[in-house]
C-alpha atoms as a PDB file:
ATOM      1  CA  UNK A   1      18.308  39.760 -73.767  1.00  0.00           C
ATOM      2  CA  UNK A   2      14.903  40.594 -72.509  1.00  0.00           C
ATOM      3  CA  UNK A   3      13.987  43.280 -74.850  1.00  0.00           C
ATOM      4  CA  UNK A   4      12.608  45.679 -72.191  1.00  0.00           C
ATOM      5  CA  UNK A   5      14.866  48.651 -71.678  1.00  0.00           C
ATOM      6  CA  UNK A   6      18.036  49.640 -73.729  1.00  0.00           C
ATOM      7  CA  UNK A   7      16.666  48.158 -77.030  1.00  0.00           C
ATOM      8  CA  UNK A   8      13.162  49.581 -76.454  1.00  0.00           C
ATOM      9  CA  UNK A   9      14.578  53.060 -75.811  1.00  0.00           C
ATOM     10  CA  UNK A  10      16.821  52.805 -78.698  1.00  0.00           C
ATOM     11  CA  UNK A  11      14.175  51.617 -81.157  1.00  0.00           C
ATOM     12  CA  UNK A  12      11.859  54.395 -80.179  1.00  0.00           C
ATOM     13  CA  UNK A  13      14.364  57.175 -80.539  1.00  0.00           C
ATOM     14  CA  UNK A  14      15.495  55.788 -83.942  1.00  0.00           C
ATOM     15  CA  UNK A  15      11.999  55.447 -85.149  1.00  0.00           C
ATOM     16  CA  UNK A  16      11.192  59.121 -84.000  1.00  0.00           C
ATOM     17  CA  UNK A  17      14.152  60.554 -85.975  1.00  0.00           C
ATOM     18  CA  UNK A  18      14.776  57.831 -88.615  1.00  0.00           C
ATOM     19  CA  UNK A  19      15.569  58.711 -92.248  1.00  0.00           C
ATOM     20  CA  UNK A  20      12.811  58.187 -94.760  1.00  0.00           C
ATOM     21  CA  UNK A  21      12.438  54.514 -95.466  1.00  0.00           C
ATOM     22  CA  UNK A  22      14.215  53.358 -92.411  1.00  0.00           C
ATOM     23  CA  UNK A  23      12.877  51.878 -89.173  1.00  0.00           C
ATOM     24  CA  UNK A  24      14.182  49.960 -86.238  1.00  0.00           C
ATOM     25  CA  UNK A  25      12.787  46.844 -84.642  1.00  0.00           C
ATOM     26  CA  UNK A  26      13.965  45.610 -81.291  1.00  0.00           C
ATOM     27  CA  UNK A  27      13.982  42.017 -80.063  1.00  0.00           C
ATOM     28  CA  UNK A  28      15.553  39.887 -77.372  1.00  0.00           C
ATOM     29  CA  UNK A  29      16.796  36.328 -77.085  1.00  0.00           C
ATOM     30  CA  UNK A  30      14.736  35.875 -74.004  1.00  0.00           C
ATOM     31  CA  UNK A  31      12.053  38.462 -74.194  1.00  0.00           C
ATOM     32  CA  UNK A  32      10.146  39.422 -71.029  1.00  0.00           C
ATOM     33  CA  UNK A  33       6.407  39.711 -70.730  1.00  0.00           C
ATOM     34  CA  UNK A  34       6.337  43.388 -70.462  1.00  0.00           C
ATOM     35  CA  UNK A  35       8.306  46.413 -71.325  1.00  0.00           C
ATOM     36  CA  UNK A  36      10.262  48.050 -68.303  1.00  0.00           C
ATOM     37  CA  UNK A  37       8.028  50.857 -67.081  1.00  0.00           C
ATOM     38  CA  UNK A  38      11.151  52.860 -66.401  1.00  0.00           C
ATOM     39  CA  UNK A  39      11.968  52.841 -70.119  1.00  0.00           C
ATOM     40  CA  UNK A  40       8.393  54.090 -70.840  1.00  0.00           C
ATOM     41  CA  UNK A  41       8.912  56.868 -68.282  1.00  0.00           C
ATOM     42  CA  UNK A  42      12.273  57.749 -69.697  1.00  0.00           C
ATOM     43  CA  UNK A  43      10.906  58.004 -73.260  1.00  0.00           C
ATOM     44  CA  UNK A  44       7.935  60.095 -72.184  1.00  0.00           C
ATOM     45  CA  UNK A  45      10.271  62.554 -70.690  1.00  0.00           C
ATOM     46  CA  UNK A  46      11.647  63.322 -74.102  1.00  0.00           C
ATOM     47  CA  UNK A  47       8.373  63.311 -75.742  1.00  0.00           C
ATOM     48  CA  UNK A  48       8.246  59.702 -77.126  1.00  0.00           C
ATOM     49  CA  UNK A  49       5.234  57.404 -76.588  1.00  0.00           C
ATOM     50  CA  UNK A  50       5.719  53.752 -77.461  1.00  0.00           C
ATOM     51  CA  UNK A  51       2.019  52.614 -77.087  1.00  0.00           C
ATOM     52  CA  UNK A  52       1.190  48.985 -76.582  1.00  0.00           C
ATOM     53  CA  UNK A  53       4.675  47.731 -77.634  1.00  0.00           C
ATOM     54  CA  UNK A  54       5.478  44.231 -76.244  1.00  0.00           C
ATOM     55  CA  UNK A  55       8.897  42.485 -75.959  1.00  0.00           C
ATOM     56  CA  UNK A  56       9.583  40.179 -78.951  1.00  0.00           C
ATOM     57  CA  UNK A  57      11.838  37.282 -79.708  1.00  0.00           C
ATOM     58  CA  UNK A  58      14.849  37.881 -82.090  1.00  0.00           C
ATOM     59  CA  UNK A  59      14.569  35.346 -84.926  1.00  0.00           C
ATOM     60  CA  UNK A  60      16.846  34.313 -87.706  1.00  0.00           C
ATOM     61  CA  UNK A  61      14.347  35.927 -90.079  1.00  0.00           C
ATOM     62  CA  UNK A  62      14.497  39.274 -88.301  1.00  0.00           C
ATOM     63  CA  UNK A  63      18.339  39.325 -88.364  1.00  0.00           C
ATOM     64  CA  UNK A  64      18.338  38.381 -92.029  1.00  0.00           C
ATOM     65  CA  UNK A  65      16.033  41.268 -92.869  1.00  0.00           C
ATOM     66  CA  UNK A  66      18.105  43.810 -90.842  1.00  0.00           C
ATOM     67  CA  UNK A  67      20.614  46.233 -92.501  1.00  0.00           C
ATOM     68  CA  UNK A  68      22.191  46.678 -89.035  1.00  0.00           C
ATOM     69  CA  UNK A  69      22.142  44.853 -85.734  1.00  0.00           C
ATOM     70  CA  UNK A  70      22.893  46.660 -82.540  1.00  0.00           C
ATOM     71  CA  UNK A  71      23.645  44.368 -79.566  1.00  0.00           C
ATOM     72  CA  UNK A  72      24.093  45.048 -75.834  1.00  0.00           C
ATOM     73  CA  UNK A  73      26.612  42.518 -74.757  1.00  0.00           C
ATOM     74  CA  UNK A  74      24.689  39.521 -75.957  1.00  0.00           C
ATOM     75  CA  UNK A  75      25.859  38.831 -79.329  1.00  0.00           C
ATOM     76  CA  UNK A  76      26.912  35.307 -78.543  1.00  0.00           C
ATOM     77  CA  UNK A  77      23.215  34.545 -78.009  1.00  0.00           C
ATOM     78  CA  UNK A  78      22.051  36.105 -81.364  1.00  0.00           C
ATOM     79  CA  UNK A  79      20.965  33.983 -84.379  1.00  0.00           C
ATOM     80  CA  UNK A  80      23.406  33.116 -87.034  1.00  0.00           C
ATOM     81  CA  UNK A  81      24.198  36.091 -89.229  1.00  0.00           C
ATOM     82  CA  UNK A  82      23.892  38.913 -86.724  1.00  0.00           C
ATOM     83  CA  UNK A  83      27.656  39.222 -86.230  1.00  0.00           C
ATOM     84  CA  UNK A  84      28.389  40.134 -89.754  1.00  0.00           C
ATOM     85  CA  UNK A  85      26.238  43.226 -89.542  1.00  0.00           C
ATOM     86  CA  UNK A  86      26.332  44.143 -85.862  1.00  0.00           C
ATOM     87  CA  UNK A  87      27.865  46.387 -83.419  1.00  0.00           C
ATOM     88  CA  UNK A  88      27.852  46.137 -79.696  1.00  0.00           C
ATOM     89  CA  UNK A  89      27.074  49.131 -77.587  1.00  0.00           C
ATOM     90  CA  UNK A  90      28.436  48.400 -74.066  1.00  0.00           C
ATOM     91  CA  UNK A  91      25.830  50.426 -72.216  1.00  0.00           C
ATOM     92  CA  UNK A  92      24.592  49.336 -68.761  1.00  0.00           C
ATOM     93  CA  UNK A  93      20.966  48.164 -68.201  1.00  0.00           C
ATOM     94  CA  UNK A  94      18.581  49.617 -65.719  1.00  0.00           C
ATOM     95  CA  UNK A  95      19.828  47.413 -62.747  1.00  0.00           C
ATOM     96  CA  UNK A  96      23.472  46.996 -61.637  1.00  0.00           C
ATOM     97  CA  UNK A  97      25.408  43.949 -61.166  1.00  0.00           C
ATOM     98  CA  UNK A  98      24.029  43.602 -57.670  1.00  0.00           C
ATOM     99  CA  UNK A  99      20.571  43.543 -59.052  1.00  0.00           C
ATOM    100  CA  UNK A 100      19.642  47.029 -57.570  1.00  0.00           C
ATOM    101  CA  UNK A 101      17.844  49.554 -59.678  1.00  0.00           C
ATOM    102  CA  UNK A 102      20.193  52.317 -60.843  1.00  0.00           C
ATOM    103  CA  UNK A 103      19.502  55.714 -59.391  1.00  0.00           C
ATOM    104  CA  UNK A 104      17.713  58.433 -61.570  1.00  0.00           C
ATOM    105  CA  UNK A 105      20.924  60.200 -62.526  1.00  0.00           C
ATOM    106  CA  UNK A 106      22.348  56.892 -63.958  1.00  0.00           C
ATOM    107  CA  UNK A 107      19.106  56.262 -65.672  1.00  0.00           C
ATOM    108  CA  UNK A 108      18.983  59.419 -67.411  1.00  0.00           C
ATOM    109  CA  UNK A 109      22.709  59.127 -68.403  1.00  0.00           C
ATOM    110  CA  UNK A 110      21.828  55.728 -69.925  1.00  0.00           C
ATOM    111  CA  UNK A 111      19.134  57.267 -71.757  1.00  0.00           C
ATOM    112  CA  UNK A 112      21.280  60.107 -73.041  1.00  0.00           C
ATOM    113  CA  UNK A 113      24.024  57.700 -74.198  1.00  0.00           C
ATOM    114  CA  UNK A 114      21.555  55.533 -76.129  1.00  0.00           C
ATOM    115  CA  UNK A 115      20.186  58.849 -77.737  1.00  0.00           C
ATOM    116  CA  UNK A 116      23.688  60.005 -78.578  1.00  0.00           C
ATOM    117  CA  UNK A 117      24.530  56.610 -80.293  1.00  0.00           C
ATOM    118  CA  UNK A 118      21.155  56.367 -82.065  1.00  0.00           C
ATOM    119  CA  UNK A 119      21.484  60.017 -83.608  1.00  0.00           C
ATOM    120  CA  UNK A 120      25.090  59.239 -84.590  1.00  0.00           C
ATOM    121  CA  UNK A 121      23.778  56.081 -86.365  1.00  0.00           C
ATOM    122  CA  UNK A 122      21.054  58.126 -88.051  1.00  0.00           C
ATOM    123  CA  UNK A 123      23.689  60.657 -89.225  1.00  0.00           C
ATOM    124  CA  UNK A 124      25.801  57.827 -90.711  1.00  0.00           C
ATOM    125  CA  UNK A 125      22.881  56.510 -92.632  1.00  0.00           C
ATOM    126  CA  UNK A 126      21.904  59.956 -93.875  1.00  0.00           C
ATOM    127  CA  UNK A 127      25.629  60.502 -95.100  1.00  0.00           C
ATOM    128  CA  UNK A 128      25.603  57.101 -96.940  1.00  0.00           C
ATOM    129  CA  UNK A 129      22.453  57.789 -98.955  1.00  0.00           C
END
């Protein structure tokens, strides 16, 4: 929704390992002002820098230009057209339902699951080319 954590991590991992000619762009239906600093830290730990990236708004044009759309439980809020080419990844965010920040072990596990799914997606793309 806010384009500050899961989608940012997924985009950065995808763009680091993407097949030639492919790239990811993350966006949210209600983008925040800044990227979650925990996402930046988690990415740095695996050698990925995202520079001055800012959260951005998902638009119908962005969805139209996409080959695949990955959502994190917010497909009902996405622009028209996203459902036909989307898959939802039920991965928790950086905070729990109680609003408390997840512990470091949980955050590392979230990053690991995102990385696993992104690499699987890249493998699927490679096989289809």
